[in-house]
């Protein structure tokens, strides 16, 4: 059984651990270097009045995934950005869907009009996930550099609240 709840800075260590496994796999996130508990906690505290963080945990208390919405400097003030991470081996179980339900409510409560998702064009699972939530393509950014120097395209998708 999966439980969705707000995430706090005390969750930052286990969240970083889960995210580092995804980064090490290297095929779905733009992140290329491991993150620390302090990195994640810093992200959480960047703009806490305009952000919302949720995590999914199983009945044993292990984090199964997390998602956040936050403002982004390249987006208008009525839009927020979203990022989603699900533990390796647990995708396709409805965790992302449950997280998005919470994030969607939070985005409305925070006064946002739409949510932006930037997905690597080679991340088939991510593209399908956001498409299945009702996100629609609105732009493509070509040759975006990753931290390790590789270039990837990003698909920008929009979900109107």
N, C-alpha and C. Protein backbone atom coordinates (compact mmCIF):
# COMPACT_ATOMS: atom_id res chain seq x y z
N UNK A 1 0.85 -1.19 0.00
CA UNK A 1 0.00 0.00 0.00
C UNK A 1 0.89 1.24 0.00
N UNK A 2 0.56 2.17 -0.85
CA UNK A 2 1.33 3.41 -0.99
C UNK A 2 0.57 4.56 -0.33
N UNK A 3 1.30 5.33 0.44
CA UNK A 3 0.74 6.50 1.12
C UNK A 3 1.43 7.74 0.57
N UNK A 4 0.67 8.76 0.22
CA UNK A 4 1.21 10.03 -0.27
C UNK A 4 1.11 11.04 0.86
N UNK A 5 2.22 11.75 1.09
CA UNK A 5 2.22 12.79 2.13
C UNK A 5 3.17 13.90 1.72
N UNK A 6 3.00 15.08 2.35
CA UNK A 6 3.97 16.15 2.09
C UNK A 6 5.37 15.71 2.52
N UNK A 7 6.35 16.11 1.76
CA UNK A 7 7.75 15.82 2.10
C UNK A 7 8.32 17.00 2.86
N UNK A 8 9.23 16.71 3.77
CA UNK A 8 9.91 17.75 4.53
C UNK A 8 11.41 17.53 4.49
N UNK A 9 12.16 18.46 5.05
CA UNK A 9 13.61 18.36 4.98
C UNK A 9 14.15 17.12 5.70
N UNK A 10 13.40 16.58 6.67
CA UNK A 10 13.85 15.34 7.31
C UNK A 10 13.83 14.16 6.34
N UNK A 11 13.09 14.29 5.24
CA UNK A 11 13.03 13.24 4.22
C UNK A 11 14.15 13.38 3.19
N UNK A 12 14.90 14.47 3.24
CA UNK A 12 15.87 14.79 2.18
C UNK A 12 16.94 13.71 2.02
N UNK A 13 17.41 13.10 3.09
CA UNK A 13 18.44 12.06 2.98
C UNK A 13 17.95 10.85 2.20
N UNK A 14 16.83 10.23 2.61
CA UNK A 14 16.33 9.09 1.84
C UNK A 14 15.92 9.46 0.41
N UNK A 15 15.44 10.68 0.22
CA UNK A 15 15.08 11.11 -1.13
C UNK A 15 16.34 11.20 -2.00
N UNK A 16 17.42 11.75 -1.45
CA UNK A 16 18.68 11.84 -2.19
C UNK A 16 19.20 10.45 -2.53
N UNK A 17 19.10 9.53 -1.59
CA UNK A 17 19.56 8.16 -1.84
C UNK A 17 18.80 7.53 -3.00
N UNK A 18 17.46 7.67 -3.00
CA UNK A 18 16.65 7.12 -4.09
C UNK A 18 16.99 7.80 -5.41
N UNK A 19 17.13 9.13 -5.38
CA UNK A 19 17.45 9.88 -6.60
C UNK A 19 18.82 9.51 -7.14
N UNK A 20 19.79 9.26 -6.27
CA UNK A 20 21.13 8.90 -6.74
C UNK A 20 21.14 7.58 -7.51
N UNK A 21 20.27 6.66 -7.15
CA UNK A 21 20.18 5.41 -7.92
C UNK A 21 19.68 5.70 -9.33
N UNK A 22 18.74 6.63 -9.45
CA UNK A 22 18.22 7.01 -10.77
C UNK A 22 19.30 7.73 -11.57
N UNK A 23 20.01 8.64 -10.92
CA UNK A 23 21.10 9.37 -11.59
C UNK A 23 22.17 8.39 -12.07
N UNK A 24 22.51 7.41 -11.23
CA UNK A 24 23.56 6.44 -11.60
C UNK A 24 23.14 5.62 -12.81
N UNK A 25 21.86 5.31 -12.92
CA UNK A 25 21.37 4.58 -14.10
C UNK A 25 21.55 5.43 -15.35
N UNK A 26 21.30 6.73 -15.23
CA UNK A 26 21.68 7.69 -16.26
C UNK A 26 20.84 7.85 -17.48
N UNK A 27 19.65 7.31 -17.55
CA UNK A 27 18.93 7.41 -18.81
C UNK A 27 17.60 8.15 -18.74
N UNK A 28 17.26 8.73 -17.59
CA UNK A 28 15.97 9.41 -17.52
C UNK A 28 16.03 10.82 -16.97
N UNK A 29 17.06 11.18 -16.28
CA UNK A 29 17.11 12.50 -15.66
C UNK A 29 18.23 13.35 -16.28
N UNK A 30 18.04 14.66 -16.22
CA UNK A 30 19.07 15.57 -16.69
C UNK A 30 20.21 15.67 -15.68
N UNK A 31 19.98 15.21 -14.46
CA UNK A 31 21.02 15.23 -13.44
C UNK A 31 22.08 14.18 -13.77
N UNK A 32 23.33 14.55 -13.62
CA UNK A 32 24.41 13.62 -13.95
C UNK A 32 25.35 13.36 -12.78
N UNK A 33 25.27 14.16 -11.75
CA UNK A 33 26.12 14.01 -10.57
C UNK A 33 25.27 13.65 -9.36
N UNK A 34 25.80 12.82 -8.47
CA UNK A 34 25.05 12.46 -7.26
C UNK A 34 24.70 13.71 -6.46
N UNK A 35 23.58 13.62 -5.74
CA UNK A 35 23.14 14.70 -4.87
C UNK A 35 23.26 14.26 -3.42
N UNK A 36 23.29 15.22 -2.54
CA UNK A 36 23.37 14.94 -1.11
C UNK A 36 22.06 15.32 -0.44
N UNK A 37 21.97 14.95 0.82
CA UNK A 37 20.83 15.35 1.62
C UNK A 37 20.71 16.87 1.62
N UNK A 38 21.85 17.56 1.76
CA UNK A 38 21.84 19.02 1.78
C UNK A 38 21.40 19.61 0.45
N UNK A 39 21.76 18.96 -0.65
CA UNK A 39 21.32 19.42 -1.97
C UNK A 39 19.80 19.41 -2.04
N UNK A 40 19.21 18.27 -1.69
CA UNK A 40 17.75 18.14 -1.77
C UNK A 40 17.08 19.10 -0.79
N UNK A 41 17.60 19.20 0.43
CA UNK A 41 17.03 20.13 1.41
C UNK A 41 17.12 21.57 0.89
N UNK A 42 18.21 21.91 0.22
CA UNK A 42 18.34 23.24 -0.37
C UNK A 42 17.29 23.49 -1.43
N UNK A 43 17.06 22.50 -2.29
CA UNK A 43 16.00 22.64 -3.29
C UNK A 43 14.66 22.88 -2.61
N UNK A 44 14.41 22.14 -1.55
CA UNK A 44 13.13 22.24 -0.85
C UNK A 44 12.93 23.63 -0.24
N UNK A 45 14.00 24.28 0.13
CA UNK A 45 13.91 25.57 0.80
C UNK A 45 14.14 26.76 -0.13
N UNK A 46 14.25 26.52 -1.43
CA UNK A 46 14.52 27.60 -2.38
C UNK A 46 13.38 28.62 -2.42
N UNK A 47 12.17 28.18 -2.54
CA UNK A 47 11.00 29.08 -2.59
C UNK A 47 9.82 28.35 -1.95
N UNK A 48 9.88 28.10 -0.65
CA UNK A 48 8.88 27.24 0.00
C UNK A 48 7.45 27.76 -0.06
N UNK A 49 7.25 29.07 -0.21
CA UNK A 49 5.89 29.60 -0.27
C UNK A 49 5.23 29.39 -1.63
N UNK A 50 6.03 29.04 -2.65
CA UNK A 50 5.50 28.82 -4.00
C UNK A 50 5.78 27.41 -4.51
N UNK A 51 6.19 26.52 -3.60
CA UNK A 51 6.55 25.15 -3.97
C UNK A 51 5.75 24.16 -3.14
N UNK A 52 5.68 22.94 -3.62
CA UNK A 52 5.06 21.84 -2.87
C UNK A 52 5.82 20.56 -3.19
N UNK A 53 6.14 19.83 -2.16
CA UNK A 53 6.87 18.57 -2.29
C UNK A 53 6.02 17.45 -1.70
N UNK A 54 5.88 16.37 -2.44
CA UNK A 54 5.14 15.20 -1.96
C UNK A 54 5.98 13.95 -2.15
N UNK A 55 5.80 13.02 -1.24
CA UNK A 55 6.48 11.74 -1.42
C UNK A 55 5.50 10.59 -1.24
N UNK A 56 5.85 9.50 -1.87
CA UNK A 56 5.09 8.26 -1.77
C UNK A 56 5.93 7.29 -0.96
N UNK A 57 5.31 6.70 0.05
CA UNK A 57 6.05 5.70 0.82
C UNK A 57 5.21 4.45 0.94
N UNK A 58 5.91 3.32 1.02
CA UNK A 58 5.20 2.05 1.14
C UNK A 58 4.87 1.78 2.60
N UNK A 59 4.20 0.67 2.86
CA UNK A 59 3.75 0.36 4.22
C UNK A 59 4.92 0.19 5.20
N UNK A 60 6.10 -0.06 4.70
CA UNK A 60 7.28 -0.18 5.55
C UNK A 60 8.01 1.14 5.77
N UNK A 61 7.48 2.21 5.19
CA UNK A 61 8.09 3.52 5.35
C UNK A 61 9.18 3.84 4.34
N UNK A 62 9.43 2.95 3.37
CA UNK A 62 10.44 3.22 2.35
C UNK A 62 9.86 4.16 1.29
N UNK A 63 10.66 5.14 0.88
CA UNK A 63 10.22 6.07 -0.15
C UNK A 63 10.16 5.34 -1.49
N UNK A 64 8.98 5.43 -2.12
CA UNK A 64 8.76 4.81 -3.42
C UNK A 64 8.87 5.83 -4.55
N UNK A 65 8.78 7.11 -4.20
CA UNK A 65 8.88 8.15 -5.20
C UNK A 65 8.62 9.51 -4.58
N UNK A 66 8.94 10.56 -5.33
CA UNK A 66 8.60 11.90 -4.89
C UNK A 66 8.43 12.81 -6.09
N UNK A 67 7.73 13.90 -5.85
CA UNK A 67 7.45 14.87 -6.91
C UNK A 67 7.40 16.25 -6.28
N UNK A 68 7.86 17.23 -7.03
CA UNK A 68 7.71 18.60 -6.55
C UNK A 68 7.26 19.51 -7.66
N UNK A 69 6.60 20.58 -7.25
CA UNK A 69 6.28 21.69 -8.14
C UNK A 69 6.94 22.92 -7.54
N UNK A 70 7.43 23.79 -8.41
CA UNK A 70 8.12 25.00 -7.96
C UNK A 70 8.16 26.00 -9.10
N UNK A 71 8.31 27.27 -8.76
CA UNK A 71 8.50 28.25 -9.83
C UNK A 71 9.83 28.00 -10.53
N UNK A 72 9.93 28.48 -11.74
CA UNK A 72 11.17 28.35 -12.51
C UNK A 72 11.45 29.70 -13.15
N UNK A 73 12.71 30.15 -13.13
CA UNK A 73 13.01 31.49 -13.66
C UNK A 73 12.70 31.69 -15.13
N UNK A 74 12.59 30.62 -15.91
CA UNK A 74 12.28 30.76 -17.33
C UNK A 74 10.78 30.66 -17.62
N UNK A 75 9.97 30.49 -16.58
CA UNK A 75 8.52 30.39 -16.75
C UNK A 75 7.85 31.66 -16.24
N UNK A 76 6.66 31.97 -16.79
CA UNK A 76 5.91 33.11 -16.25
C UNK A 76 5.43 32.80 -14.83
N UNK A 77 5.07 33.82 -14.06
CA UNK A 77 4.69 33.60 -12.66
C UNK A 77 3.45 32.73 -12.48
N UNK A 78 2.62 32.61 -13.50
CA UNK A 78 1.42 31.77 -13.38
C UNK A 78 1.70 30.29 -13.64
N UNK A 79 2.95 29.95 -13.91
CA UNK A 79 3.32 28.57 -14.21
C UNK A 79 4.34 28.06 -13.20
N UNK A 80 4.26 26.76 -12.94
CA UNK A 80 5.27 26.11 -12.10
C UNK A 80 5.85 24.95 -12.89
N UNK A 81 7.01 24.52 -12.47
CA UNK A 81 7.70 23.39 -13.07
C UNK A 81 7.43 22.17 -12.20
N UNK A 82 7.48 20.99 -12.78
CA UNK A 82 7.28 19.76 -12.03
C UNK A 82 8.44 18.81 -12.29
N UNK A 83 8.79 18.04 -11.28
CA UNK A 83 9.79 16.98 -11.42
C UNK A 83 9.27 15.77 -10.67
N UNK A 84 9.45 14.60 -11.27
CA UNK A 84 8.92 13.36 -10.72
C UNK A 84 10.00 12.29 -10.74
N UNK A 85 10.12 11.57 -9.63
CA UNK A 85 11.08 10.47 -9.53
C UNK A 85 10.42 9.30 -8.81
N UNK A 86 10.50 8.13 -9.42
CA UNK A 86 9.95 6.91 -8.83
C UNK A 86 11.08 5.90 -8.72
N UNK A 87 11.12 5.24 -7.58
CA UNK A 87 12.18 4.26 -7.31
C UNK A 87 12.30 3.26 -8.47
N UNK A 88 13.53 2.95 -8.84
CA UNK A 88 13.79 1.96 -9.90
C UNK A 88 13.09 0.66 -9.52
N UNK A 89 12.38 0.11 -10.50
CA UNK A 89 11.66 -1.14 -10.29
C UNK A 89 10.23 -0.95 -9.82
N UNK A 90 9.84 0.31 -9.54
CA UNK A 90 8.48 0.55 -9.05
C UNK A 90 7.68 1.46 -9.98
N UNK A 91 8.17 1.68 -11.19
CA UNK A 91 7.41 2.47 -12.14
C UNK A 91 6.26 1.62 -12.68
N UNK A 92 5.21 2.28 -13.13
CA UNK A 92 4.07 1.58 -13.70
C UNK A 92 3.11 1.03 -12.66
N UNK A 93 3.29 1.40 -11.39
CA UNK A 93 2.43 0.89 -10.32
C UNK A 93 1.43 1.93 -9.82
N UNK A 94 1.36 3.09 -10.47
CA UNK A 94 0.43 4.13 -10.07
C UNK A 94 1.01 5.14 -9.09
N UNK A 95 2.28 5.01 -8.75
CA UNK A 95 2.90 5.93 -7.79
C UNK A 95 2.93 7.35 -8.36
N UNK A 96 3.36 7.49 -9.60
CA UNK A 96 3.40 8.81 -10.23
C UNK A 96 2.02 9.43 -10.35
N UNK A 97 1.03 8.62 -10.64
CA UNK A 97 -0.35 9.13 -10.74
C UNK A 97 -0.82 9.68 -9.42
N UNK A 98 -0.55 8.96 -8.35
CA UNK A 98 -0.96 9.42 -7.01
C UNK A 98 -0.20 10.68 -6.62
N UNK A 99 1.07 10.74 -6.94
CA UNK A 99 1.84 11.94 -6.64
C UNK A 99 1.29 13.14 -7.41
N UNK A 100 0.94 12.94 -8.68
CA UNK A 100 0.44 14.05 -9.48
C UNK A 100 -0.90 14.56 -8.97
N UNK A 101 -1.73 13.69 -8.45
CA UNK A 101 -3.00 14.15 -7.86
C UNK A 101 -2.72 15.16 -6.76
N UNK A 102 -1.75 14.86 -5.90
CA UNK A 102 -1.40 15.77 -4.80
C UNK A 102 -0.77 17.05 -5.33
N UNK A 103 0.11 16.94 -6.31
CA UNK A 103 0.78 18.12 -6.86
C UNK A 103 -0.20 19.03 -7.61
N UNK A 104 -1.13 18.42 -8.31
CA UNK A 104 -2.13 19.19 -9.04
C UNK A 104 -2.97 20.02 -8.06
N UNK A 105 -3.41 19.40 -6.97
CA UNK A 105 -4.17 20.15 -5.95
C UNK A 105 -3.32 21.28 -5.37
N UNK A 106 -2.07 20.98 -5.07
CA UNK A 106 -1.19 21.99 -4.50
C UNK A 106 -0.97 23.14 -5.47
N UNK A 107 -0.80 22.85 -6.75
CA UNK A 107 -0.59 23.90 -7.76
C UNK A 107 -1.80 24.83 -7.81
N UNK A 108 -2.97 24.27 -7.76
CA UNK A 108 -4.19 25.11 -7.74
C UNK A 108 -4.22 25.96 -6.47
N UNK A 109 -3.94 25.33 -5.34
CA UNK A 109 -3.95 26.04 -4.06
C UNK A 109 -2.93 27.18 -4.04
N UNK A 110 -1.82 27.00 -4.73
CA UNK A 110 -0.77 28.02 -4.78
C UNK A 110 -1.06 29.10 -5.83
N UNK A 111 -2.15 28.93 -6.58
CA UNK A 111 -2.55 29.94 -7.55
C UNK A 111 -1.95 29.81 -8.93
N UNK A 112 -1.34 28.69 -9.23
CA UNK A 112 -0.79 28.50 -10.56
C UNK A 112 -1.90 28.21 -11.57
N UNK A 113 -1.68 28.61 -12.83
CA UNK A 113 -2.63 28.36 -13.91
C UNK A 113 -2.23 27.15 -14.76
N UNK A 114 -0.93 26.85 -14.77
CA UNK A 114 -0.49 25.68 -15.53
C UNK A 114 0.83 25.15 -14.99
N UNK A 115 1.09 23.88 -15.36
CA UNK A 115 2.29 23.18 -14.90
C UNK A 115 3.14 22.83 -16.12
N UNK A 116 4.42 23.10 -16.03
CA UNK A 116 5.37 22.77 -17.09
C UNK A 116 6.16 21.52 -16.70
N UNK A 117 6.37 20.66 -17.67
CA UNK A 117 7.26 19.51 -17.50
C UNK A 117 8.28 19.54 -18.62
N UNK A 118 9.56 19.50 -18.27
CA UNK A 118 10.65 19.42 -19.24
C UNK A 118 11.21 18.01 -19.16
N UNK A 119 11.07 17.24 -20.24
CA UNK A 119 11.45 15.83 -20.24
C UNK A 119 12.49 15.59 -21.32
N UNK A 120 13.53 14.85 -20.96
CA UNK A 120 14.50 14.47 -21.98
C UNK A 120 13.77 13.73 -23.09
N UNK A 121 14.07 14.08 -24.34
CA UNK A 121 13.39 13.47 -25.48
C UNK A 121 13.66 11.98 -25.58
N UNK A 122 14.77 11.50 -24.98
CA UNK A 122 15.08 10.07 -25.01
C UNK A 122 14.52 9.32 -23.80
N UNK A 123 13.74 10.00 -22.97
CA UNK A 123 13.12 9.38 -21.80
C UNK A 123 11.70 8.96 -22.15
N UNK A 124 11.58 7.82 -22.82
CA UNK A 124 10.27 7.35 -23.28
C UNK A 124 9.28 7.20 -22.14
N UNK A 125 9.72 6.65 -21.01
CA UNK A 125 8.83 6.48 -19.88
C UNK A 125 8.30 7.79 -19.34
N UNK A 126 9.18 8.79 -19.24
CA UNK A 126 8.76 10.10 -18.77
C UNK A 126 7.78 10.78 -19.73
N UNK A 127 8.05 10.65 -21.02
CA UNK A 127 7.14 11.23 -22.01
C UNK A 127 5.75 10.59 -21.92
N UNK A 128 5.72 9.28 -21.79
CA UNK A 128 4.43 8.58 -21.67
C UNK A 128 3.72 8.97 -20.37
N UNK A 129 4.48 9.04 -19.26
CA UNK A 129 3.88 9.40 -17.97
C UNK A 129 3.18 10.76 -18.06
N UNK A 130 3.88 11.78 -18.52
CA UNK A 130 3.26 13.10 -18.55
C UNK A 130 2.13 13.18 -19.57
N UNK A 131 2.29 12.51 -20.71
CA UNK A 131 1.20 12.47 -21.71
C UNK A 131 -0.04 11.83 -21.09
N UNK A 132 0.14 10.77 -20.33
CA UNK A 132 -1.02 10.07 -19.73
C UNK A 132 -1.69 10.90 -18.64
N UNK A 133 -1.01 11.88 -18.11
CA UNK A 133 -1.60 12.78 -17.10
C UNK A 133 -2.37 13.91 -17.77
N UNK A 134 -2.25 14.06 -19.09
CA UNK A 134 -2.95 15.12 -19.81
C UNK A 134 -2.06 16.28 -20.23
N UNK A 135 -0.75 16.15 -20.07
CA UNK A 135 0.18 17.18 -20.53
C UNK A 135 0.23 17.17 -22.05
N UNK A 136 0.36 18.35 -22.64
CA UNK A 136 0.46 18.48 -24.09
C UNK A 136 1.77 19.15 -24.48
N UNK A 137 2.39 18.65 -25.55
CA UNK A 137 3.63 19.23 -26.05
C UNK A 137 3.39 20.67 -26.47
N UNK A 138 4.34 21.56 -26.13
CA UNK A 138 4.24 22.93 -26.64
C UNK A 138 5.58 23.46 -27.16
N UNK A 139 6.68 22.78 -26.88
CA UNK A 139 7.97 23.23 -27.41
C UNK A 139 8.98 22.10 -27.30
N UNK A 140 10.06 22.27 -28.04
CA UNK A 140 11.18 21.34 -27.98
C UNK A 140 12.46 22.15 -27.95
N UNK A 141 13.32 21.86 -27.00
CA UNK A 141 14.61 22.52 -26.89
C UNK A 141 15.67 21.55 -27.38
N UNK A 142 16.41 21.93 -28.39
CA UNK A 142 17.40 21.02 -28.97
C UNK A 142 18.78 21.24 -28.36
N UNK A 143 19.55 20.17 -28.35
CA UNK A 143 20.95 20.19 -27.92
C UNK A 143 21.17 20.88 -26.57
N UNK A 144 20.43 20.42 -25.57
CA UNK A 144 20.58 20.94 -24.22
C UNK A 144 21.71 20.18 -23.53
N UNK A 145 22.70 20.89 -22.99
CA UNK A 145 23.84 20.20 -22.38
C UNK A 145 23.49 19.62 -21.01
N UNK A 146 23.92 18.39 -20.80
CA UNK A 146 23.85 17.78 -19.47
C UNK A 146 25.14 18.14 -18.73
N UNK A 147 25.16 17.88 -17.44
CA UNK A 147 26.33 18.20 -16.63
C UNK A 147 27.60 17.51 -17.09
N UNK A 148 27.45 16.38 -17.77
CA UNK A 148 28.62 15.63 -18.23
C UNK A 148 29.02 15.98 -19.67
N UNK A 149 28.35 16.99 -20.24
CA UNK A 149 28.70 17.44 -21.58
C UNK A 149 27.87 16.86 -22.70
N UNK A 150 27.16 15.76 -22.44
CA UNK A 150 26.30 15.21 -23.49
C UNK A 150 25.20 16.19 -23.84
N UNK A 151 24.73 16.14 -25.08
CA UNK A 151 23.64 16.99 -25.53
C UNK A 151 22.39 16.15 -25.73
N UNK A 152 21.26 16.65 -25.22
CA UNK A 152 19.98 15.98 -25.40
C UNK A 152 18.94 17.01 -25.76
N UNK A 153 17.89 16.57 -26.40
CA UNK A 153 16.74 17.44 -26.62
C UNK A 153 15.79 17.30 -25.43
N UNK A 154 15.08 18.38 -25.12
CA UNK A 154 14.05 18.35 -24.09
C UNK A 154 12.71 18.66 -24.74
N UNK A 155 11.71 17.91 -24.37
CA UNK A 155 10.34 18.15 -24.78
C UNK A 155 9.67 18.90 -23.64
N UNK A 156 9.04 20.03 -23.96
CA UNK A 156 8.31 20.79 -22.97
C UNK A 156 6.83 20.46 -23.11
N UNK A 157 6.25 20.08 -21.99
CA UNK A 157 4.82 19.74 -21.97
C UNK A 157 4.13 20.64 -20.96
N UNK A 158 2.85 20.90 -21.24
CA UNK A 158 2.07 21.82 -20.44
C UNK A 158 0.78 21.15 -20.00
N UNK A 159 0.44 21.39 -18.73
CA UNK A 159 -0.84 20.91 -18.19
C UNK A 159 -1.59 22.11 -17.65
N UNK A 160 -2.71 22.43 -18.27
CA UNK A 160 -3.52 23.58 -17.83
C UNK A 160 -4.41 23.17 -16.67
N UNK A 161 -4.32 23.97 -15.61
CA UNK A 161 -5.14 23.71 -14.42
C UNK A 161 -6.52 24.31 -14.62
